[in-house]
Every structure is written in structure tokens, then in C-alpha cells.
Amino acid sequence: MNFDNGMTEVTVTRKGQITIPADLRRKFKIEEGSKVKVVEEEGRIVVKRLPSIFDLAGSGSEKGDVEELKKMLDRMREEDA
């Protein structure tokens, strides 16, 4: 059942499972094998999509260049030796 405020009613199974409606799975790119987190926020149950490794690819690219990162790794290796 769709409500006017954009909410969709789902049924909880005997095992406590729910089905995320297909339109929301598409919108939030939740596919088979995707990870979600279920949290309580202000007295509500909230399902949050966790980013995959593919979502994070390139996210740190502005943090430094390759040569700078290699130098940092070399310094860390020297400290460990």
C-alpha cells in the first residue's frame, strides 16, 4: 500500500524480515548482496544503505598524488623496521 507521503507499507514475516520495495531498491542502488544498516533514530527504525567498495573507488583521489603516497608508505615502513 502506498501512502500519500511517499511511504510504502510492507509486512514483517515470521522471521522478522521485510522486503524493500523495488522502486526504492532501484533508487538507492540496493541489489542482491548489498549491505544495509538498521538503526534506531528518534524512535524510528531506519534502513541505511552501506557504501560498497565500488562506491568508494576514487573517493580519496584529491588527498594526494601517487608519488606522495609512495613516500609516505616508505616512511611508515622505515618506522616499522
PDB file of N, CA and C in Angstrom:
ATOM      1  N   MET A   1       0.847  -1.175   0.000  1.00  0.00           N
ATOM      2  CA  MET A   1       0.000   0.000   0.000  1.00  0.00           C
ATOM      3  C   MET A   1       0.892   1.238   0.000  1.00  0.00           C
ATOM      4  N   ASN A   2       0.670   2.163  -0.878  1.00  0.00           N
ATOM      5  CA  ASN A   2       1.416   3.418  -0.928  1.00  0.00           C
ATOM      6  C   ASN A   2       0.630   4.498  -0.202  1.00  0.00           C
ATOM      7  N   PHE A   3       1.300   5.243   0.637  1.00  0.00           N
ATOM      8  CA  PHE A   3       0.684   6.355   1.336  1.00  0.00           C
ATOM      9  C   PHE A   3       0.993   7.636   0.571  1.00  0.00           C
ATOM     10  N   ASP A   4       0.226   8.677   0.799  1.00  0.00           N
ATOM     11  CA  ASP A   4       0.413   9.941   0.085  1.00  0.00           C
ATOM     12  C   ASP A   4       1.746  10.599   0.386  1.00  0.00           C
ATOM     13  N   ASN A   5       2.353  10.311   1.538  1.00  0.00           N
ATOM     14  CA  ASN A   5       3.606  10.963   1.914  1.00  0.00           C
ATOM     15  C   ASN A   5       4.839  10.213   1.415  1.00  0.00           C
ATOM     16  N   GLY A   6       4.663   9.302   0.459  1.00  0.00           N
ATOM     17  CA  GLY A   6       5.809   8.599  -0.112  1.00  0.00           C
ATOM     18  C   GLY A   6       6.199   7.340   0.637  1.00  0.00           C
ATOM     19  N   MET A   7       5.481   7.003   1.677  1.00  0.00           N
ATOM     20  CA  MET A   7       5.797   5.800   2.440  1.00  0.00           C
ATOM     21  C   MET A   7       5.077   4.607   1.839  1.00  0.00           C
ATOM     22  N   THR A   8       5.692   3.444   1.945  1.00  0.00           N
ATOM     23  CA  THR A   8       5.098   2.213   1.460  1.00  0.00           C
ATOM     24  C   THR A   8       4.952   1.255   2.631  1.00  0.00           C
ATOM     25  N   GLU A   9       3.805   0.626   2.745  1.00  0.00           N
ATOM     26  CA  GLU A   9       3.570  -0.352   3.804  1.00  0.00           C
ATOM     27  C   GLU A   9       4.113  -1.698   3.364  1.00  0.00           C
ATOM     28  N   VAL A  10       4.875  -2.346   4.245  1.00  0.00           N
ATOM     29  CA  VAL A  10       5.379  -3.693   3.991  1.00  0.00           C
ATOM     30  C   VAL A  10       4.973  -4.569   5.173  1.00  0.00           C
ATOM     31  N   THR A  11       5.004  -5.870   4.983  1.00  0.00           N
ATOM     32  CA  THR A  11       4.616  -6.814   6.028  1.00  0.00           C
ATOM     33  C   THR A  11       5.856  -7.498   6.580  1.00  0.00           C
ATOM     34  N   VAL A  12       5.922  -7.630   7.891  1.00  0.00           N
ATOM     35  CA  VAL A  12       7.027  -8.317   8.550  1.00  0.00           C
ATOM     36  C   VAL A  12       6.700  -9.807   8.586  1.00  0.00           C
ATOM     37  N   THR A  13       7.660 -10.638   8.152  1.00  0.00           N
ATOM     38  CA  THR A  13       7.451 -12.090   8.158  1.00  0.00           C
ATOM     39  C   THR A  13       7.652 -12.647   9.553  1.00  0.00           C
ATOM     40  N   ARG A  14       7.357 -13.924   9.693  1.00  0.00           N
ATOM     41  CA  ARG A  14       7.528 -14.623  10.967  1.00  0.00           C
ATOM     42  C   ARG A  14       8.974 -14.517  11.453  1.00  0.00           C
ATOM     43  N   LYS A  15       9.926 -14.477  10.525  1.00  0.00           N
ATOM     44  CA  LYS A  15      11.347 -14.373  10.872  1.00  0.00           C
ATOM     45  C   LYS A  15      11.800 -12.927  11.080  1.00  0.00           C
ATOM     46  N   GLY A  16      10.881 -11.968  11.008  1.00  0.00           N
ATOM     47  CA  GLY A  16      11.244 -10.571  11.207  1.00  0.00           C
ATOM     48  C   GLY A  16      11.781  -9.902   9.962  1.00  0.00           C
ATOM     49  N   GLN A  17      11.573 -10.505   8.807  1.00  0.00           N
ATOM     50  CA  GLN A  17      12.099  -9.957   7.556  1.00  0.00           C
ATOM     51  C   GLN A  17      11.063  -9.070   6.879  1.00  0.00           C
ATOM     52  N   ILE A  18      11.573  -8.090   6.130  1.00  0.00           N
ATOM     53  CA  ILE A  18      10.723  -7.241   5.294  1.00  0.00           C
ATOM     54  C   ILE A  18      11.328  -7.208   3.899  1.00  0.00           C
ATOM     55  N   THR A  19      10.534  -6.827   2.929  1.00  0.00           N
ATOM     56  CA  THR A  19      11.016  -6.652   1.560  1.00  0.00           C
ATOM     57  C   THR A  19      11.051  -5.167   1.262  1.00  0.00           C
ATOM     58  N   ILE A  20      12.212  -4.689   0.824  1.00  0.00           N
ATOM     59  CA  ILE A  20      12.334  -3.292   0.422  1.00  0.00           C
ATOM     60  C   ILE A  20      11.700  -3.182  -0.959  1.00  0.00           C
ATOM     61  N   PRO A  21      10.734  -2.288  -1.136  1.00  0.00           N
ATOM     62  CA  PRO A  21      10.059  -2.176  -2.430  1.00  0.00           C
ATOM     63  C   PRO A  21      11.047  -1.928  -3.579  1.00  0.00           C
ATOM     64  N   ALA A  22      10.724  -2.498  -4.738  1.00  0.00           N
ATOM     65  CA  ALA A  22      11.617  -2.449  -5.908  1.00  0.00           C
ATOM     66  C   ALA A  22      11.985  -1.032  -6.303  1.00  0.00           C
ATOM     67  N   ASP A  23      11.044  -0.097  -6.253  1.00  0.00           N
ATOM     68  CA  ASP A  23      11.367   1.272  -6.667  1.00  0.00           C
ATOM     69  C   ASP A  23      12.401   1.898  -5.747  1.00  0.00           C
ATOM     70  N   LEU A  24      12.342   1.578  -4.459  1.00  0.00           N
ATOM     71  CA  LEU A  24      13.346   2.104  -3.526  1.00  0.00           C
ATOM     72  C   LEU A  24      14.688   1.395  -3.687  1.00  0.00           C
ATOM     73  N   ARG A  25      14.649   0.080  -3.977  1.00  0.00           N
ATOM     74  CA  ARG A  25      15.914  -0.634  -4.239  1.00  0.00           C
ATOM     75  C   ARG A  25      16.615  -0.042  -5.447  1.00  0.00           C
ATOM     76  N   ARG A  26      15.853   0.251  -6.496  1.00  0.00           N
ATOM     77  CA  ARG A  26      16.462   0.864  -7.689  1.00  0.00           C
ATOM     78  C   ARG A  26      17.001   2.257  -7.366  1.00  0.00           C
ATOM     79  N   LYS A  27      16.186   3.055  -6.697  1.00  0.00           N
ATOM     80  CA  LYS A  27      16.572   4.438  -6.387  1.00  0.00           C
ATOM     81  C   LYS A  27      17.859   4.494  -5.576  1.00  0.00           C
ATOM     82  N   PHE A  28      17.999   3.583  -4.597  1.00  0.00           N
ATOM     83  CA  PHE A  28      19.162   3.613  -3.717  1.00  0.00           C
ATOM     84  C   PHE A  28      20.218   2.577  -4.082  1.00  0.00           C
ATOM     85  N   LYS A  29      20.060   1.974  -5.263  1.00  0.00           N
ATOM     86  CA  LYS A  29      21.033   1.006  -5.794  1.00  0.00           C
ATOM     87  C   LYS A  29      21.310  -0.125  -4.802  1.00  0.00           C
ATOM     88  N   ILE A  30      20.243  -0.675  -4.251  1.00  0.00           N
ATOM     89  CA  ILE A  30      20.350  -1.823  -3.355  1.00  0.00           C
ATOM     90  C   ILE A  30      20.061  -3.060  -4.189  1.00  0.00           C
ATOM     91  N   GLU A  31      21.081  -3.903  -4.344  1.00  0.00           N
ATOM     92  CA  GLU A  31      20.974  -5.109  -5.158  1.00  0.00           C
ATOM     93  C   GLU A  31      21.220  -6.319  -4.282  1.00  0.00           C
ATOM     94  N   GLU A  32      21.002  -7.495  -4.838  1.00  0.00           N
ATOM     95  CA  GLU A  32      21.297  -8.717  -4.102  1.00  0.00           C
ATOM     96  C   GLU A  32      22.746  -8.678  -3.625  1.00  0.00           C
ATOM     97  N   GLY A  33      22.955  -8.931  -2.358  1.00  0.00           N
ATOM     98  CA  GLY A  33      24.295  -8.897  -1.779  1.00  0.00           C
ATOM     99  C   GLY A  33      24.677  -7.546  -1.195  1.00  0.00           C
ATOM    100  N   SER A  34      23.895  -6.505  -1.464  1.00  0.00           N
ATOM    101  CA  SER A  34      24.173  -5.188  -0.880  1.00  0.00           C
ATOM    102  C   SER A  34      24.040  -5.266   0.636  1.00  0.00           C
ATOM    103  N   LYS A  35      24.780  -4.447   1.320  1.00  0.00           N
ATOM    104  CA  LYS A  35      24.713  -4.384   2.783  1.00  0.00           C
ATOM    105  C   LYS A  35      23.934  -3.142   3.186  1.00  0.00           C
ATOM    106  N   VAL A  36      23.074  -3.304   4.175  1.00  0.00           N
ATOM    107  CA  VAL A  36      22.351  -2.180   4.753  1.00  0.00           C
ATOM    108  C   VAL A  36      22.532  -2.232   6.268  1.00  0.00           C
ATOM    109  N   LYS A  37      22.355  -1.095   6.889  1.00  0.00           N
ATOM    110  CA  LYS A  37      22.449  -0.997   8.341  1.00  0.00           C
ATOM    111  C   LYS A  37      21.066  -0.605   8.845  1.00  0.00           C
ATOM    112  N   VAL A  38      20.616  -1.259   9.918  1.00  0.00           N
ATOM    113  CA  VAL A  38      19.330  -0.938  10.523  1.00  0.00           C
ATOM    114  C   VAL A  38      19.621  -0.274  11.862  1.00  0.00           C
ATOM    115  N   VAL A  39      19.152   0.967  12.014  1.00  0.00           N
ATOM    116  CA  VAL A  39      19.431   1.732  13.228  1.00  0.00           C
ATOM    117  C   VAL A  39      18.138   2.352  13.755  1.00  0.00           C
ATOM    118  N   GLU A  40      18.189   2.723  15.021  1.00  0.00           N
ATOM    119  CA  GLU A  40      17.087   3.469  15.614  1.00  0.00           C
ATOM    120  C   GLU A  40      17.478   4.934  15.641  1.00  0.00           C
ATOM    121  N   GLU A  41      16.613   5.773  15.129  1.00  0.00           N
ATOM    122  CA  GLU A  41      16.841   7.220  15.143  1.00  0.00           C
ATOM    123  C   GLU A  41      15.561   7.905  15.592  1.00  0.00           C
ATOM    124  N   GLU A  42      15.635   8.567  16.711  1.00  0.00           N
ATOM    125  CA  GLU A  42      14.497   9.334  17.227  1.00  0.00           C
ATOM    126  C   GLU A  42      13.230   8.499  17.285  1.00  0.00           C
ATOM    127  N   GLY A  43      13.359   7.270  17.806  1.00  0.00           N
ATOM    128  CA  GLY A  43      12.205   6.410  17.972  1.00  0.00           C
ATOM    129  C   GLY A  43      11.706   5.743  16.706  1.00  0.00           C
ATOM    130  N   ARG A  44      12.506   5.789  15.637  1.00  0.00           N
ATOM    131  CA  ARG A  44      12.135   5.180  14.365  1.00  0.00           C
ATOM    132  C   ARG A  44      13.175   4.152  13.957  1.00  0.00           C
ATOM    133  N   ILE A  45      12.746   3.165  13.210  1.00  0.00           N
ATOM    134  CA  ILE A  45      13.666   2.197  12.621  1.00  0.00           C
ATOM    135  C   ILE A  45      14.028   2.721  11.235  1.00  0.00           C
ATOM    136  N   VAL A  46      15.338   2.867  10.983  1.00  0.00           N
ATOM    137  CA  VAL A  46      15.811   3.422   9.718  1.00  0.00           C
ATOM    138  C   VAL A  46      16.748   2.412   9.059  1.00  0.00           C
ATOM    139  N   VAL A  47      16.540   2.170   7.769  1.00  0.00           N
ATOM    140  CA  VAL A  47      17.402   1.280   6.989  1.00  0.00           C
ATOM    141  C   VAL A  47      18.311   2.162   6.151  1.00  0.00           C
ATOM    142  N   LYS A  48      19.628   2.003   6.325  1.00  0.00           N
ATOM    143  CA  LYS A  48      20.595   2.815   5.593  1.00  0.00           C
ATOM    144  C   LYS A  48      21.466   1.916   4.733  1.00  0.00           C
ATOM    145  N   ARG A  49      21.619   2.287   3.473  1.00  0.00           N
ATOM    146  CA  ARG A  49      22.489   1.548   2.557  1.00  0.00           C
ATOM    147  C   ARG A  49      23.937   1.836   2.927  1.00  0.00           C
ATOM    148  N   LEU A  50      24.735   0.777   3.038  1.00  0.00           N
ATOM    149  CA  LEU A  50      26.160   0.940   3.279  1.00  0.00           C
ATOM    150  C   LEU A  50      26.874   1.020   1.939  1.00  0.00           C
ATOM    151  N   PRO A  51      27.854   1.892   1.819  1.00  0.00           N
ATOM    152  CA  PRO A  51      28.569   2.001   0.545  1.00  0.00           C
ATOM    153  C   PRO A  51      29.381   0.739   0.269  1.00  0.00           C
ATOM    154  N   SER A  52      29.474   0.375  -0.993  1.00  0.00           N
ATOM    155  CA  SER A  52      30.297  -0.761  -1.388  1.00  0.00           C
ATOM    156  C   SER A  52      31.691  -0.249  -1.723  1.00  0.00           C
ATOM    157  N   ILE A  53      32.598  -1.147  -1.932  1.00  0.00           N
ATOM    158  CA  ILE A  53      33.961  -0.775  -2.315  1.00  0.00           C
ATOM    159  C   ILE A  53      33.948   0.000  -3.627  1.00  0.00           C
ATOM    160  N   PHE A  54      32.986  -0.299  -4.508  1.00  0.00           N
ATOM    161  CA  PHE A  54      32.894   0.386  -5.790  1.00  0.00           C
ATOM    162  C   PHE A  54      32.432   1.835  -5.609  1.00  0.00           C
ATOM    163  N   ASP A  55      31.591   2.072  -4.601  1.00  0.00           N
ATOM    164  CA  ASP A  55      31.146   3.433  -4.309  1.00  0.00           C
ATOM    165  C   ASP A  55      32.313   4.295  -3.828  1.00  0.00           C
ATOM    166  N   LEU A  56      33.254   3.660  -3.149  1.00  0.00           N
ATOM    167  CA  LEU A  56      34.376   4.387  -2.549  1.00  0.00           C
ATOM    168  C   LEU A  56      35.544   4.585  -3.510  1.00  0.00           C
ATOM    169  N   ALA A  57      35.552   3.882  -4.620  1.00  0.00           N
ATOM    170  CA  ALA A  57      36.662   3.963  -5.564  1.00  0.00           C
ATOM    171  C   ALA A  57      36.867   5.404  -6.017  1.00  0.00           C
ATOM    172  N   GLY A  58      38.081   5.887  -5.831  1.00  0.00           N
ATOM    173  CA  GLY A  58      38.415   7.239  -6.250  1.00  0.00           C
ATOM    174  C   GLY A  58      38.011   8.319  -5.265  1.00  0.00           C
ATOM    175  N   SER A  59      37.378   7.946  -4.154  1.00  0.00           N
ATOM    176  CA  SER A  59      36.878   8.960  -3.228  1.00  0.00           C
ATOM    177  C   SER A  59      38.000   9.716  -2.524  1.00  0.00           C
ATOM    178  N   GLY A  60      39.199   9.137  -2.485  1.00  0.00           N
ATOM    179  CA  GLY A  60      40.311   9.825  -1.843  1.00  0.00           C
ATOM    180  C   GLY A  60      41.291  10.413  -2.829  1.00  0.00           C
ATOM    181  N   SER A  61      40.906  10.488  -4.080  1.00  0.00           N
ATOM    182  CA  SER A  61      41.845  10.902  -5.123  1.00  0.00           C
ATOM    183  C   SER A  61      42.367  12.320  -4.926  1.00  0.00           C
ATOM    184  N   GLU A  62      41.616  13.177  -4.269  1.00  0.00           N
ATOM    185  CA  GLU A  62      42.079  14.548  -4.058  1.00  0.00           C
ATOM    186  C   GLU A  62      43.005  14.660  -2.850  1.00  0.00           C
ATOM    187  N   LYS A  63      43.215  13.566  -2.125  1.00  0.00           N
ATOM    188  CA  LYS A  63      44.022  13.585  -0.898  1.00  0.00           C
ATOM    189  C   LYS A  63      45.517  13.634  -1.173  1.00  0.00           C
ATOM    190  N   GLY A  64      45.968  13.213  -2.312  1.00  0.00           N
ATOM    191  CA  GLY A  64      47.391  13.232  -2.595  1.00  0.00           C
ATOM    192  C   GLY A  64      47.678  12.521  -3.899  1.00  0.00           C
ATOM    193  N   ASP A  65      48.881  12.760  -4.393  1.00  0.00           N
ATOM    194  CA  ASP A  65      49.227  12.080  -5.639  1.00  0.00           C
ATOM    195  C   ASP A  65      49.980  10.791  -5.341  1.00  0.00           C
ATOM    196  N   VAL A  66      50.209  10.001  -6.361  1.00  0.00           N
ATOM    197  CA  VAL A  66      50.804   8.679  -6.202  1.00  0.00           C
ATOM    198  C   VAL A  66      52.199   8.767  -5.598  1.00  0.00           C
ATOM    199  N   GLU A  67      53.017   9.680  -6.084  1.00  0.00           N
ATOM    200  CA  GLU A  67      54.390   9.799  -5.572  1.00  0.00           C
ATOM    201  C   GLU A  67      54.401  10.171  -4.096  1.00  0.00           C
ATOM    202  N   GLU A  68      53.532  11.070  -3.718  1.00  0.00           N
ATOM    203  CA  GLU A  68      53.434  11.474  -2.315  1.00  0.00           C
ATOM    204  C   GLU A  68      53.026  10.283  -1.443  1.00  0.00           C
ATOM    205  N   LEU A  69      52.088   9.487  -1.926  1.00  0.00           N
ATOM    206  CA  LEU A  69      51.641   8.310  -1.172  1.00  0.00           C
ATOM    207  C   LEU A  69      52.750   7.266  -1.061  1.00  0.00           C
ATOM    208  N   LYS A  70      53.541   7.087  -2.133  1.00  0.00           N
ATOM    209  CA  LYS A  70      54.662   6.146  -2.074  1.00  0.00           C
ATOM    210  C   LYS A  70      55.690   6.582  -1.035  1.00  0.00           C
ATOM    211  N   LYS A  71      55.994   7.868  -0.991  1.00  0.00           N
ATOM    212  CA  LYS A  71      56.940   8.388   0.007  1.00  0.00           C
ATOM    213  C   LYS A  71      56.418   8.163   1.416  1.00  0.00           C
ATOM    214  N   MET A  72      55.109   8.377   1.605  1.00  0.00           N
ATOM    215  CA  MET A  72      54.512   8.174   2.915  1.00  0.00           C
ATOM    216  C   MET A  72      54.616   6.702   3.329  1.00  0.00           C
ATOM    217  N   LEU A  73      54.364   5.792   2.398  1.00  0.00           N
ATOM    218  CA  LEU A  73      54.488   4.367   2.688  1.00  0.00           C
ATOM    219  C   LEU A  73      55.927   4.000   3.038  1.00  0.00           C
ATOM    220  N   ASP A  74      56.886   4.560   2.302  1.00  0.00           N
ATOM    221  CA  ASP A  74      58.296   4.297   2.605  1.00  0.00           C
ATOM    222  C   ASP A  74      58.640   4.747   4.013  1.00  0.00           C
ATOM    223  N   ARG A  75      58.182   5.938   4.406  1.00  0.00           N
ATOM    224  CA  ARG A  75      58.447   6.439   5.773  1.00  0.00           C
ATOM    225  C   ARG A  75      57.824   5.522   6.816  1.00  0.00           C
ATOM    226  N   MET A  76      56.611   5.048   6.559  1.00  0.00           N
ATOM    227  CA  MET A  76      55.930   4.171   7.522  1.00  0.00           C
ATOM    228  C   MET A  76      56.647   2.842   7.631  1.00  0.00           C
ATOM    229  N   ARG A  77      57.164   2.333   6.507  1.00  0.00           N
ATOM    230  CA  ARG A  77      57.909   1.063   6.526  1.00  0.00           C
ATOM    231  C   ARG A  77      59.205   1.221   7.312  1.00  0.00           C
ATOM    232  N   GLU A  78      59.878   2.370   7.159  1.00  0.00           N
ATOM    233  CA  GLU A  78      61.124   2.618   7.902  1.00  0.00           C
ATOM    234  C   GLU A  78      60.850   2.682   9.399  1.00  0.00           C
ATOM    235  N   GLU A  79      59.724   3.288   9.793  1.00  0.00           N
ATOM    236  CA  GLU A  79      59.363   3.370  11.209  1.00  0.00           C
ATOM    237  C   GLU A  79      59.096   2.003  11.796  1.00  0.00           C
ATOM    238  N   ASP A  80      58.538   1.087  10.989  1.00  0.00           N
ATOM    239  CA  ASP A  80      58.218  -0.262  11.468  1.00  0.00           C
ATOM    240  C   ASP A  80      59.442  -1.140  11.569  1.00  0.00           C
ATOM    241  N   ALA A  81      60.509  -0.813  10.817  1.00  0.00           N
ATOM    242  CA  ALA A  81      61.709  -1.672  10.771  1.00  0.00           C
ATOM    243  C   ALA A  81      62.534  -1.572  12.026  1.00  0.00           C
TER     244      ALA A  81
END
